[in-house]
Amino acid sequence: MPVPVGAMPGGGAHGPSTLDKLKMGGMMGGSVGLIIGFIFGFTNIVRFGPGPNGMLRTLGQYMAGSAATFGFFMAIGTTIRTDSSPIVTQAFGSINSRPTILSRQYQSMKAARAEKN
């Protein structure tokens, strides 16, 4: 869950934690898995019949199995993909930081030094 800007000591924006990204990947994978499970389960029920468990239970088994599989792998993939080295994180932060605005006094001192040389 993202933390609002200025809520952490030192200010600045902080993104979601690794656990938050793991949960988010699992939920996205589970959602996709439910849809894929519904499509494949419905197709197999129409082709081969519901079997001894009945239509709803068979469809639910397809959907639950697909959601669990997709959710598991998506959670792991999201967590691995977001893991980065501190050097890369620092470089990304410095590139995306706001530019430093120099005071007028500093700029006039710099111009005075340039005139001396």
PDB file of N, CA and C in Angstrom:
ATOM      1  N   MET A   1       0.838  -1.167   0.000  1.00  0.00           N
ATOM      2  CA  MET A   1       0.000   0.000   0.000  1.00  0.00           C
ATOM      3  C   MET A   1       0.883   1.230   0.000  1.00  0.00           C
ATOM      4  N   PRO A   2       0.686   2.165  -0.927  1.00  0.00           N
ATOM      5  CA  PRO A   2       1.554   3.327  -0.992  1.00  0.00           C
ATOM      6  C   PRO A   2       1.395   4.217   0.243  1.00  0.00           C
ATOM      7  N   VAL A   3       2.500   4.800   0.630  1.00  0.00           N
ATOM      8  CA  VAL A   3       2.512   5.716   1.766  1.00  0.00           C
ATOM      9  C   VAL A   3       2.430   7.121   1.204  1.00  0.00           C
ATOM     10  N   PRO A   4       1.553   7.997   1.757  1.00  0.00           N
ATOM     11  CA  PRO A   4       1.431   9.356   1.223  1.00  0.00           C
ATOM     12  C   PRO A   4       2.744  10.127   1.337  1.00  0.00           C
ATOM     13  N   VAL A   5       2.925  11.069   0.432  1.00  0.00           N
ATOM     14  CA  VAL A   5       4.125  11.891   0.425  1.00  0.00           C
ATOM     15  C   VAL A   5       4.183  12.700   1.717  1.00  0.00           C
ATOM     16  N   GLY A   6       5.339  12.715   2.348  1.00  0.00           N
ATOM     17  CA  GLY A   6       5.540  13.479   3.564  1.00  0.00           C
ATOM     18  C   GLY A   6       5.167  12.719   4.827  1.00  0.00           C
ATOM     19  N   ALA A   7       4.620  11.509   4.700  1.00  0.00           N
ATOM     20  CA  ALA A   7       4.227  10.758   5.882  1.00  0.00           C
ATOM     21  C   ALA A   7       5.428  10.093   6.547  1.00  0.00           C
ATOM     22  N   MET A   8       6.467   9.836   5.784  1.00  0.00           N
ATOM     23  CA  MET A   8       7.664   9.191   6.325  1.00  0.00           C
ATOM     24  C   MET A   8       8.673  10.266   6.710  1.00  0.00           C
ATOM     25  N   PRO A   9       9.534   9.972   7.697  1.00  0.00           N
ATOM     26  CA  PRO A   9      10.575  10.942   8.043  1.00  0.00           C
ATOM     27  C   PRO A   9      11.492  11.183   6.848  1.00  0.00           C
ATOM     28  N   GLY A  10      11.835  12.407   6.619  1.00  0.00           N
ATOM     29  CA  GLY A  10      12.695  12.736   5.486  1.00  0.00           C
ATOM     30  C   GLY A  10      11.899  13.114   4.252  1.00  0.00           C
ATOM     31  N   GLY A  11      10.573  12.986   4.293  1.00  0.00           N
ATOM     32  CA  GLY A  11       9.736  13.368   3.158  1.00  0.00           C
ATOM     33  C   GLY A  11       9.954  12.457   1.969  1.00  0.00           C
ATOM     34  N   GLY A  12       9.447  12.844   0.846  1.00  0.00           N
ATOM     35  CA  GLY A  12       9.617  12.073  -0.372  1.00  0.00           C
ATOM     36  C   GLY A  12       8.563  10.995  -0.503  1.00  0.00           C
ATOM     37  N   ALA A  13       8.420  10.479  -1.709  1.00  0.00           N
ATOM     38  CA  ALA A  13       7.436   9.444  -1.975  1.00  0.00           C
ATOM     39  C   ALA A  13       8.046   8.077  -1.749  1.00  0.00           C
ATOM     40  N   HIS A  14       7.288   7.196  -1.152  1.00  0.00           N
ATOM     41  CA  HIS A  14       7.726   5.831  -0.922  1.00  0.00           C
ATOM     42  C   HIS A  14       6.692   4.913  -1.543  1.00  0.00           C
ATOM     43  N   GLY A  15       7.160   3.925  -2.288  1.00  0.00           N
ATOM     44  CA  GLY A  15       6.251   3.022  -2.972  1.00  0.00           C
ATOM     45  C   GLY A  15       5.794   1.883  -2.082  1.00  0.00           C
ATOM     46  N   PRO A  16       5.050   0.952  -2.667  1.00  0.00           N
ATOM     47  CA  PRO A  16       4.558  -0.178  -1.900  1.00  0.00           C
ATOM     48  C   PRO A  16       5.701  -1.104  -1.480  1.00  0.00           C
ATOM     49  N   SER A  17       5.507  -1.794  -0.362  1.00  0.00           N
ATOM     50  CA  SER A  17       6.522  -2.711   0.133  1.00  0.00           C
ATOM     51  C   SER A  17       6.504  -3.993  -0.697  1.00  0.00           C
ATOM     52  N   THR A  18       7.479  -4.849  -0.450  1.00  0.00           N
ATOM     53  CA  THR A  18       7.566  -6.113  -1.181  1.00  0.00           C
ATOM     54  C   THR A  18       6.358  -6.990  -0.876  1.00  0.00           C
ATOM     55  N   LEU A  19       5.909  -6.996   0.374  1.00  0.00           N
ATOM     56  CA  LEU A  19       4.731  -7.789   0.733  1.00  0.00           C
ATOM     57  C   LEU A  19       3.484  -7.268   0.022  1.00  0.00           C
ATOM     58  N   ASP A  20       3.373  -5.959  -0.095  1.00  0.00           N
ATOM     59  CA  ASP A  20       2.236  -5.386  -0.824  1.00  0.00           C
ATOM     60  C   ASP A  20       2.278  -5.793  -2.292  1.00  0.00           C
ATOM     61  N   LYS A  21       3.449  -5.813  -2.876  1.00  0.00           N
ATOM     62  CA  LYS A  21       3.581  -6.216  -4.278  1.00  0.00           C
ATOM     63  C   LYS A  21       3.276  -7.699  -4.451  1.00  0.00           C
ATOM     64  N   LEU A  22       3.654  -8.520  -3.466  1.00  0.00           N
ATOM     65  CA  LEU A  22       3.352  -9.949  -3.498  1.00  0.00           C
ATOM     66  C   LEU A  22       1.836 -10.161  -3.481  1.00  0.00           C
ATOM     67  N   LYS A  23       1.146  -9.450  -2.593  1.00  0.00           N
ATOM     68  CA  LYS A  23      -0.313  -9.580  -2.513  1.00  0.00           C
ATOM     69  C   LYS A  23      -0.983  -9.076  -3.782  1.00  0.00           C
ATOM     70  N   MET A  24      -0.479  -7.969  -4.318  1.00  0.00           N
ATOM     71  CA  MET A  24      -1.065  -7.409  -5.531  1.00  0.00           C
ATOM     72  C   MET A  24      -0.890  -8.377  -6.711  1.00  0.00           C
ATOM     73  N   GLY A  25       0.281  -8.980  -6.840  1.00  0.00           N
ATOM     74  CA  GLY A  25       0.508  -9.954  -7.908  1.00  0.00           C
ATOM     75  C   GLY A  25      -0.369 -11.180  -7.748  1.00  0.00           C
ATOM     76  N   GLY A  26      -0.540 -11.642  -6.505  1.00  0.00           N
ATOM     77  CA  GLY A  26      -1.407 -12.790  -6.257  1.00  0.00           C
ATOM     78  C   GLY A  26      -2.854 -12.507  -6.602  1.00  0.00           C
ATOM     79  N   MET A  27      -3.310 -11.310  -6.277  1.00  0.00           N
ATOM     80  CA  MET A  27      -4.700 -10.953  -6.588  1.00  0.00           C
ATOM     81  C   MET A  27      -4.920 -10.810  -8.102  1.00  0.00           C
ATOM     82  N   MET A  28      -3.942 -10.216  -8.790  1.00  0.00           N
ATOM     83  CA  MET A  28      -4.081 -10.091 -10.246  1.00  0.00           C
ATOM     84  C   MET A  28      -4.069 -11.462 -10.902  1.00  0.00           C
ATOM     85  N   GLY A  29      -3.140 -12.321 -10.472  1.00  0.00           N
ATOM     86  CA  GLY A  29      -3.082 -13.667 -11.031  1.00  0.00           C
ATOM     87  C   GLY A  29      -4.320 -14.478 -10.705  1.00  0.00           C
ATOM     88  N   GLY A  30      -4.837 -14.312  -9.489  1.00  0.00           N
ATOM     89  CA  GLY A  30      -6.061 -15.017  -9.116  1.00  0.00           C
ATOM     90  C   GLY A  30      -7.255 -14.586  -9.946  1.00  0.00           C
ATOM     91  N   SER A  31      -7.334 -13.295 -10.238  1.00  0.00           N
ATOM     92  CA  SER A  31      -8.432 -12.786 -11.067  1.00  0.00           C
ATOM     93  C   SER A  31      -8.359 -13.354 -12.477  1.00  0.00           C
ATOM     94  N   VAL A  32      -7.180 -13.332 -13.046  1.00  0.00           N
ATOM     95  CA  VAL A  32      -7.005 -13.886 -14.398  1.00  0.00           C
ATOM     96  C   VAL A  32      -7.282 -15.384 -14.380  1.00  0.00           C
ATOM     97  N   GLY A  33      -6.809 -16.064 -13.332  1.00  0.00           N
ATOM     98  CA  GLY A  33      -7.038 -17.504 -13.217  1.00  0.00           C
ATOM     99  C   GLY A  33      -8.508 -17.858 -13.115  1.00  0.00           C
ATOM    100  N   LEU A  34      -9.288 -17.058 -12.394  1.00  0.00           N
ATOM    101  CA  LEU A  34     -10.728 -17.321 -12.306  1.00  0.00           C
ATOM    102  C   LEU A  34     -11.382 -17.235 -13.678  1.00  0.00           C
ATOM    103  N   ILE A  35     -11.001 -16.227 -14.441  1.00  0.00           N
ATOM    104  CA  ILE A  35     -11.607 -16.045 -15.766  1.00  0.00           C
ATOM    105  C   ILE A  35     -11.200 -17.183 -16.704  1.00  0.00           C
ATOM    106  N   ILE A  36      -9.923 -17.521 -16.707  1.00  0.00           N
ATOM    107  CA  ILE A  36      -9.448 -18.609 -17.572  1.00  0.00           C
ATOM    108  C   ILE A  36     -10.070 -19.936 -17.138  1.00  0.00           C
ATOM    109  N   GLY A  37     -10.168 -20.156 -15.818  1.00  0.00           N
ATOM    110  CA  GLY A  37     -10.792 -21.375 -15.312  1.00  0.00           C
ATOM    111  C   GLY A  37     -12.254 -21.478 -15.711  1.00  0.00           C
ATOM    112  N   PHE A  38     -12.947 -20.348 -15.691  1.00  0.00           N
ATOM    113  CA  PHE A  38     -14.349 -20.354 -16.126  1.00  0.00           C
ATOM    114  C   PHE A  38     -14.453 -20.726 -17.597  1.00  0.00           C
ATOM    115  N   ILE A  39     -13.594 -20.130 -18.414  1.00  0.00           N
ATOM    116  CA  ILE A  39     -13.656 -20.395 -19.867  1.00  0.00           C
ATOM    117  C   ILE A  39     -13.350 -21.859 -20.160  1.00  0.00           C
ATOM    118  N   PHE A  40     -12.242 -22.372 -19.621  1.00  0.00           N
ATOM    119  CA  PHE A  40     -11.870 -23.769 -19.893  1.00  0.00           C
ATOM    120  C   PHE A  40     -12.836 -24.746 -19.231  1.00  0.00           C
ATOM    121  N   GLY A  41     -13.277 -24.441 -18.014  1.00  0.00           N
ATOM    122  CA  GLY A  41     -14.219 -25.328 -17.338  1.00  0.00           C
ATOM    123  C   GLY A  41     -15.548 -25.407 -18.072  1.00  0.00           C
ATOM    124  N   PHE A  42     -16.070 -24.264 -18.480  1.00  0.00           N
ATOM    125  CA  PHE A  42     -17.333 -24.250 -19.209  1.00  0.00           C
ATOM    126  C   PHE A  42     -17.207 -24.999 -20.530  1.00  0.00           C
ATOM    127  N   THR A  43     -16.077 -24.788 -21.223  1.00  0.00           N
ATOM    128  CA  THR A  43     -15.845 -25.481 -22.495  1.00  0.00           C
ATOM    129  C   THR A  43     -15.815 -26.992 -22.289  1.00  0.00           C
ATOM    130  N   ASN A  44     -15.123 -27.461 -21.261  1.00  0.00           N
ATOM    131  CA  ASN A  44     -15.042 -28.906 -21.012  1.00  0.00           C
ATOM    132  C   ASN A  44     -16.376 -29.487 -20.544  1.00  0.00           C
ATOM    133  N   ILE A  45     -17.136 -28.723 -19.783  1.00  0.00           N
ATOM    134  CA  ILE A  45     -18.454 -29.204 -19.362  1.00  0.00           C
ATOM    135  C   ILE A  45     -19.382 -29.345 -20.572  1.00  0.00           C
ATOM    136  N   VAL A  46     -19.314 -28.395 -21.492  1.00  0.00           N
ATOM    137  CA  VAL A  46     -20.150 -28.476 -22.697  1.00  0.00           C
ATOM    138  C   VAL A  46     -19.710 -29.657 -23.561  1.00  0.00           C
ATOM    139  N   ARG A  47     -18.418 -29.885 -23.660  1.00  0.00           N
ATOM    140  CA  ARG A  47     -17.904 -30.967 -24.510  1.00  0.00           C
ATOM    141  C   ARG A  47     -18.160 -32.351 -23.928  1.00  0.00           C
ATOM    142  N   PHE A  48     -17.784 -32.519 -22.649  1.00  0.00           N
ATOM    143  CA  PHE A  48     -17.759 -33.862 -22.070  1.00  0.00           C
ATOM    144  C   PHE A  48     -18.817 -34.098 -20.994  1.00  0.00           C
ATOM    145  N   GLY A  49     -19.588 -33.095 -20.651  1.00  0.00           N
ATOM    146  CA  GLY A  49     -20.597 -33.249 -19.612  1.00  0.00           C
ATOM    147  C   GLY A  49     -20.010 -32.937 -18.239  1.00  0.00           C
ATOM    148  N   PRO A  50     -20.876 -32.707 -17.259  1.00  0.00           N
ATOM    149  CA  PRO A  50     -20.401 -32.293 -15.934  1.00  0.00           C
ATOM    150  C   PRO A  50     -19.776 -33.406 -15.117  1.00  0.00           C
ATOM    151  N   GLY A  51     -20.054 -34.644 -15.434  1.00  0.00           N
ATOM    152  CA  GLY A  51     -19.491 -35.743 -14.660  1.00  0.00           C
ATOM    153  C   GLY A  51     -20.304 -35.996 -13.392  1.00  0.00           C
ATOM    154  N   PRO A  52     -19.764 -36.831 -12.500  1.00  0.00           N
ATOM    155  CA  PRO A  52     -20.537 -37.220 -11.313  1.00  0.00           C
ATOM    156  C   PRO A  52     -20.684 -36.100 -10.273  1.00  0.00           C
ATOM    157  N   ASN A  53     -19.840 -35.071 -10.318  1.00  0.00           N
ATOM    158  CA  ASN A  53     -19.891 -33.995  -9.316  1.00  0.00           C
ATOM    159  C   ASN A  53     -20.935 -32.932  -9.613  1.00  0.00           C
ATOM    160  N   GLY A  54     -21.480 -32.907 -10.767  1.00  0.00           N
ATOM    161  CA  GLY A  54     -22.442 -31.874 -11.129  1.00  0.00           C
ATOM    162  C   GLY A  54     -21.746 -30.695 -11.804  1.00  0.00           C
ATOM    163  N   MET A  55     -22.555 -29.849 -12.408  1.00  0.00           N
ATOM    164  CA  MET A  55     -22.000 -28.765 -13.205  1.00  0.00           C
ATOM    165  C   MET A  55     -21.297 -27.705 -12.358  1.00  0.00           C
ATOM    166  N   LEU A  56     -21.926 -27.223 -11.310  1.00  0.00           N
ATOM    167  CA  LEU A  56     -21.345 -26.131 -10.529  1.00  0.00           C
ATOM    168  C   LEU A  56     -20.072 -26.558  -9.798  1.00  0.00           C
ATOM    169  N   ARG A  57     -20.072 -27.742  -9.244  1.00  0.00           N
ATOM    170  CA  ARG A  57     -18.876 -28.201  -8.521  1.00  0.00           C
ATOM    171  C   ARG A  57     -17.704 -28.411  -9.484  1.00  0.00           C
ATOM    172  N   THR A  58     -17.984 -28.978 -10.649  1.00  0.00           N
ATOM    173  CA  THR A  58     -16.920 -29.181 -11.641  1.00  0.00           C
ATOM    174  C   THR A  58     -16.372 -27.844 -12.118  1.00  0.00           C
ATOM    175  N   LEU A  59     -17.265 -26.903 -12.409  1.00  0.00           N
ATOM    176  CA  LEU A  59     -16.829 -25.581 -12.850  1.00  0.00           C
ATOM    177  C   LEU A  59     -16.031 -24.881 -11.750  1.00  0.00           C
ATOM    178  N   GLY A  60     -16.473 -25.008 -10.519  1.00  0.00           N
ATOM    179  CA  GLY A  60     -15.748 -24.418  -9.387  1.00  0.00           C
ATOM    180  C   GLY A  60     -14.357 -25.004  -9.212  1.00  0.00           C
ATOM    181  N   GLN A  61     -14.229 -26.307  -9.435  1.00  0.00           N
ATOM    182  CA  GLN A  61     -12.905 -26.931  -9.322  1.00  0.00           C
ATOM    183  C   GLN A  61     -11.957 -26.405 -10.400  1.00  0.00           C
ATOM    184  N   TYR A  62     -12.453 -26.263 -11.603  1.00  0.00           N
ATOM    185  CA  TYR A  62     -11.628 -25.685 -12.676  1.00  0.00           C
ATOM    186  C   TYR A  62     -11.198 -24.263 -12.318  1.00  0.00           C
ATOM    187  N   MET A  63     -12.154 -23.467 -11.858  1.00  0.00           N
ATOM    188  CA  MET A  63     -11.866 -22.068 -11.548  1.00  0.00           C
ATOM    189  C   MET A  63     -10.903 -21.937 -10.367  1.00  0.00           C
ATOM    190  N   ALA A  64     -11.109 -22.721  -9.312  1.00  0.00           N
ATOM    191  CA  ALA A  64     -10.243 -22.641  -8.133  1.00  0.00           C
ATOM    192  C   ALA A  64      -8.822 -23.106  -8.447  1.00  0.00           C
ATOM    193  N   GLY A  65      -8.713 -24.170  -9.196  1.00  0.00           N
ATOM    194  CA  GLY A  65      -7.378 -24.674  -9.545  1.00  0.00           C
ATOM    195  C   GLY A  65      -6.611 -23.707 -10.421  1.00  0.00           C
ATOM    196  N   SER A  66      -7.287 -23.141 -11.382  1.00  0.00           N
ATOM    197  CA  SER A  66      -6.645 -22.182 -12.272  1.00  0.00           C
ATOM    198  C   SER A  66      -6.278 -20.900 -11.528  1.00  0.00           C
ATOM    199  N   ALA A  67      -7.166 -20.413 -10.657  1.00  0.00           N
ATOM    200  CA  ALA A  67      -6.888 -19.192  -9.893  1.00  0.00           C
ATOM    201  C   ALA A  67      -5.709 -19.390  -8.950  1.00  0.00           C
ATOM    202  N   ALA A  68      -5.642 -20.545  -8.294  1.00  0.00           N
ATOM    203  CA  ALA A  68      -4.530 -20.809  -7.372  1.00  0.00           C
ATOM    204  C   ALA A  68      -3.202 -20.874  -8.124  1.00  0.00           C
ATOM    205  N   THR A  69      -3.200 -21.535  -9.269  1.00  0.00           N
ATOM    206  CA  THR A  69      -1.959 -21.668 -10.046  1.00  0.00           C
ATOM    207  C   THR A  69      -1.497 -20.314 -10.586  1.00  0.00           C
ATOM    208  N   PHE A  70      -2.400 -19.591 -11.239  1.00  0.00           N
ATOM    209  CA  PHE A  70      -2.040 -18.281 -11.786  1.00  0.00           C
ATOM    210  C   PHE A  70      -1.628 -17.323 -10.680  1.00  0.00           C
ATOM    211  N   GLY A  71      -2.374 -17.313  -9.584  1.00  0.00           N
ATOM    212  CA  GLY A  71      -2.066 -16.402  -8.478  1.00  0.00           C
ATOM    213  C   GLY A  71      -0.706 -16.680  -7.871  1.00  0.00           C
ATOM    214  N   PHE A  72      -0.377 -17.952  -7.678  1.00  0.00           N
ATOM    215  CA  PHE A  72       0.920 -18.319  -7.103  1.00  0.00           C
ATOM    216  C   PHE A  72       2.063 -17.838  -7.980  1.00  0.00           C
ATOM    217  N   PHE A  73       2.011 -18.158  -9.252  1.00  0.00           N
ATOM    218  CA  PHE A  73       3.118 -17.785 -10.129  1.00  0.00           C
ATOM    219  C   PHE A  73       3.188 -16.277 -10.380  1.00  0.00           C
ATOM    220  N   MET A  74       2.056 -15.616 -10.428  1.00  0.00           N
ATOM    221  CA  MET A  74       2.063 -14.163 -10.625  1.00  0.00           C
ATOM    222  C   MET A  74       2.621 -13.459  -9.392  1.00  0.00           C
ATOM    223  N   ALA A  75       2.300 -13.958  -8.196  1.00  0.00           N
ATOM    224  CA  ALA A  75       2.832 -13.362  -6.970  1.00  0.00           C
ATOM    225  C   ALA A  75       4.346 -13.495  -6.921  1.00  0.00           C
ATOM    226  N   ILE A  76       4.856 -14.671  -7.261  1.00  0.00           N
ATOM    227  CA  ILE A  76       6.309 -14.873  -7.258  1.00  0.00           C
ATOM    228  C   ILE A  76       6.965 -14.012  -8.334  1.00  0.00           C
ATOM    229  N   GLY A  77       6.385 -13.984  -9.521  1.00  0.00           N
ATOM    230  CA  GLY A  77       6.954 -13.195 -10.609  1.00  0.00           C
ATOM    231  C   GLY A  77       6.971 -11.709 -10.303  1.00  0.00           C
ATOM    232  N   THR A  78       5.923 -11.204  -9.687  1.00  0.00           N
ATOM    233  CA  THR A  78       5.869  -9.788  -9.344  1.00  0.00           C
ATOM    234  C   THR A  78       6.915  -9.447  -8.298  1.00  0.00           C
ATOM    235  N   THR A  79       7.086 -10.320  -7.318  1.00  0.00           N
ATOM    236  CA  THR A  79       8.066 -10.076  -6.260  1.00  0.00           C
ATOM    237  C   THR A  79       9.492 -10.115  -6.814  1.00  0.00           C
ATOM    238  N   ILE A  80       9.784 -11.077  -7.658  1.00  0.00           N
ATOM    239  CA  ILE A  80      11.132 -11.177  -8.233  1.00  0.00           C
ATOM    240  C   ILE A  80      11.419  -9.980  -9.128  1.00  0.00           C
ATOM    241  N   ARG A  81      10.441  -9.575  -9.900  1.00  0.00           N
ATOM    242  CA  ARG A  81      10.656  -8.478 -10.837  1.00  0.00           C
ATOM    243  C   ARG A  81      10.892  -7.147 -10.126  1.00  0.00           C
ATOM    244  N   THR A  82      10.309  -6.953  -8.964  1.00  0.00           N
ATOM    245  CA  THR A  82      10.458  -5.679  -8.268  1.00  0.00           C
ATOM    246  C   THR A  82      11.692  -5.633  -7.378  1.00  0.00           C
ATOM    247  N   ASP A  83      12.392  -6.740  -7.244  1.00  0.00           N
ATOM    248  CA  ASP A  83      13.592  -6.758  -6.422  1.00  0.00           C
ATOM    249  C   ASP A  83      14.734  -6.128  -7.214  1.00  0.00           C
ATOM    250  N   SER A  84      15.334  -5.065  -6.683  1.00  0.00           N
ATOM    251  CA  SER A  84      16.414  -4.388  -7.395  1.00  0.00           C
ATOM    252  C   SER A  84      17.536  -4.032  -6.426  1.00  0.00           C
ATOM    253  N   SER A  85      18.692  -3.747  -6.984  1.00  0.00           N
ATOM    254  CA  SER A  85      19.840  -3.411  -6.155  1.00  0.00           C
ATOM    255  C   SER A  85      19.725  -1.970  -5.660  1.00  0.00           C
ATOM    256  N   PRO A  86      20.374  -1.646  -4.540  1.00  0.00           N
ATOM    257  CA  PRO A  86      20.317  -0.272  -4.025  1.00  0.00           C
ATOM    258  C   PRO A  86      20.920   0.752  -4.984  1.00  0.00           C
ATOM    259  N   ILE A  87      21.895   0.346  -5.773  1.00  0.00           N
ATOM    260  CA  ILE A  87      22.526   1.270  -6.717  1.00  0.00           C
ATOM    261  C   ILE A  87      21.520   1.707  -7.778  1.00  0.00           C
ATOM    262  N   VAL A  88      20.747   0.738  -8.298  1.00  0.00           N
ATOM    263  CA  VAL A  88      19.749   1.053  -9.309  1.00  0.00           C
ATOM    264  C   VAL A  88      18.651   1.924  -8.708  1.00  0.00           C
ATOM    265  N   THR A  89      18.240   1.616  -7.485  1.00  0.00           N
ATOM    266  CA  THR A  89      17.212   2.409  -6.822  1.00  0.00           C
ATOM    267  C   THR A  89      17.673   3.847  -6.604  1.00  0.00           C
ATOM    268  N   GLN A  90      18.932   4.022  -6.194  1.00  0.00           N
ATOM    269  CA  GLN A  90      19.463   5.364  -5.968  1.00  0.00           C
ATOM    270  C   GLN A  90      19.559   6.133  -7.294  1.00  0.00           C
ATOM    271  N   ALA A  91      20.010   5.459  -8.355  1.00  0.00           N
ATOM    272  CA  ALA A  91      20.114   6.114  -9.657  1.00  0.00           C
ATOM    273  C   ALA A  91      18.730   6.537 -10.157  1.00  0.00           C
ATOM    274  N   PHE A  92      17.740   5.668  -9.983  1.00  0.00           N
ATOM    275  CA  PHE A  92      16.382   6.006 -10.399  1.00  0.00           C
ATOM    276  C   PHE A  92      15.851   7.186  -9.593  1.00  0.00           C
ATOM    277  N   GLY A  93      16.130   7.206  -8.297  1.00  0.00           N
ATOM    278  CA  GLY A  93      15.675   8.295  -7.447  1.00  0.00           C
ATOM    279  C   GLY A  93      16.323   9.617  -7.809  1.00  0.00           C
ATOM    280  N   SER A  94      17.614   9.587  -8.140  1.00  0.00           N
ATOM    281  CA  SER A  94      18.289  10.840  -8.476  1.00  0.00           C
ATOM    282  C   SER A  94      17.846  11.374  -9.838  1.00  0.00           C
ATOM    283  N   ILE A  95      17.521  10.484 -10.751  1.00  0.00           N
ATOM    284  CA  ILE A  95      17.049  10.923 -12.064  1.00  0.00           C
ATOM    285  C   ILE A  95      15.673  11.549 -11.949  1.00  0.00           C
ATOM    286  N   ASN A  96      14.818  10.979 -11.117  1.00  0.00           N
ATOM    287  CA  ASN A  96      13.436  11.444 -11.014  1.00  0.00           C
ATOM    288  C   ASN A  96      13.207  12.457  -9.903  1.00  0.00           C
ATOM    289  N   SER A  97      14.275  12.973  -9.300  1.00  0.00           N
ATOM    290  CA  SER A  97      14.092  13.968  -8.248  1.00  0.00           C
ATOM    291  C   SER A  97      13.871  15.343  -8.871  1.00  0.00           C
ATOM    292  N   ARG A  98      13.362  16.248  -8.078  1.00  0.00           N
ATOM    293  CA  ARG A  98      13.131  17.605  -8.563  1.00  0.00           C
ATOM    294  C   ARG A  98      14.464  18.324  -8.748  1.00  0.00           C
ATOM    295  N   PRO A  99      14.551  19.230  -9.688  1.00  0.00           N
ATOM    296  CA  PRO A  99      15.801  19.958  -9.877  1.00  0.00           C
ATOM    297  C   PRO A  99      16.062  20.901  -8.696  1.00  0.00           C
ATOM    298  N   THR A 100      17.323  21.108  -8.420  1.00  0.00           N
ATOM    299  CA  THR A 100      17.703  22.018  -7.348  1.00  0.00           C
ATOM    300  C   THR A 100      17.643  23.444  -7.861  1.00  0.00           C
ATOM    301  N   ILE A 101      16.950  24.293  -7.141  1.00  0.00           N
ATOM    302  CA  ILE A 101      16.832  25.698  -7.533  1.00  0.00           C
ATOM    303  C   ILE A 101      17.815  26.489  -6.675  1.00  0.00           C
ATOM    304  N   LEU A 102      18.743  27.156  -7.332  1.00  0.00           N
ATOM    305  CA  LEU A 102      19.755  27.922  -6.621  1.00  0.00           C
ATOM    306  C   LEU A 102      19.214  29.301  -6.277  1.00  0.00           C
ATOM    307  N   SER A 103      19.669  29.816  -5.152  1.00  0.00           N
ATOM    308  CA  SER A 103      19.215  31.140  -4.743  1.00  0.00           C
ATOM    309  C   SER A 103      19.875  32.213  -5.620  1.00  0.00           C
ATOM    310  N   ARG A 104      19.287  33.397  -5.643  1.00  0.00           N
ATOM    311  CA  ARG A 104      19.802  34.490  -6.450  1.00  0.00           C
ATOM    312  C   ARG A 104      21.183  34.909  -5.946  1.00  0.00           C
ATOM    313  N   GLN A 105      21.383  34.844  -4.640  1.00  0.00           N
ATOM    314  CA  GLN A 105      22.661  35.240  -4.058  1.00  0.00           C
ATOM    315  C   GLN A 105      23.778  34.336  -4.585  1.00  0.00           C
ATOM    316  N   TYR A 106      23.540  33.036  -4.669  1.00  0.00           N
ATOM    317  CA  TYR A 106      24.549  32.119  -5.165  1.00  0.00           C
ATOM    318  C   TYR A 106      24.863  32.416  -6.625  1.00  0.00           C
ATOM    319  N   GLN A 107      23.839  32.699  -7.417  1.00  0.00           N
ATOM    320  CA  GLN A 107      24.056  32.981  -8.827  1.00  0.00           C
ATOM    321  C   GLN A 107      24.866  34.260  -9.013  1.00  0.00           C
ATOM    322  N   SER A 108      24.620  35.291  -8.186  1.00  0.00           N
ATOM    323  CA  SER A 108      25.384  36.538  -8.322  1.00  0.00           C
ATOM    324  C   SER A 108      26.828  36.325  -7.888  1.00  0.00           C
ATOM    325  N   MET A 109      27.072  35.482  -6.875  1.00  0.00           N
ATOM    326  CA  MET A 109      28.450  35.202  -6.450  1.00  0.00           C
ATOM    327  C   MET A 109      29.192  34.471  -7.569  1.00  0.00           C
ATOM    328  N   LYS A 110      28.516  33.581  -8.253  1.00  0.00           N
ATOM    329  CA  LYS A 110      29.134  32.841  -9.345  1.00  0.00           C
ATOM    330  C   LYS A 110      29.497  33.791 -10.490  1.00  0.00           C
ATOM    331  N   ALA A 111      28.624  34.757 -10.774  1.00  0.00           N
ATOM    332  CA  ALA A 111      28.896  35.732 -11.840  1.00  0.00           C
ATOM    333  C   ALA A 111      30.071  36.630 -11.451  1.00  0.00           C
ATOM    334  N   ALA A 112      30.172  36.997 -10.173  1.00  0.00           N
ATOM    335  CA  ALA A 112      31.271  37.847  -9.698  1.00  0.00           C
ATOM    336  C   ALA A 112      32.599  37.105  -9.847  1.00  0.00           C
ATOM    337  N   ARG A 113      32.618  35.830  -9.545  1.00  0.00           N
ATOM    338  CA  ARG A 113      33.863  35.050  -9.687  1.00  0.00           C
ATOM    339  C   ARG A 113      34.252  34.937 -11.155  1.00  0.00           C
ATOM    340  N   ALA A 114      33.271  34.800 -12.035  1.00  0.00           N
ATOM    341  CA  ALA A 114      33.568  34.704 -13.446  1.00  0.00           C
ATOM    342  C   ALA A 114      34.167  36.008 -13.977  1.00  0.00           C
ATOM    343  N   GLU A 115      33.715  37.165 -13.449  1.00  0.00           N
ATOM    344  CA  GLU A 115      34.246  38.465 -13.876  1.00  0.00           C
ATOM    345  C   GLU A 115      35.692  38.654 -13.428  1.00  0.00           C
ATOM    346  N   LYS A 116      36.051  38.122 -12.233  1.00  0.00           N
ATOM    347  CA  LYS A 116      37.414  38.240 -11.728  1.00  0.00           C
ATOM    348  C   LYS A 116      38.411  37.499 -12.601  1.00  0.00           C
ATOM    349  N   ASN A 117      37.985  36.340 -13.110  1.00  0.00           N
ATOM    350  CA  ASN A 117      38.898  35.520 -13.926  1.00  0.00           C
ATOM    351  C   ASN A 117      38.883  36.030 -15.298  1.00  0.00           C
TER     352      ASN A 117
END
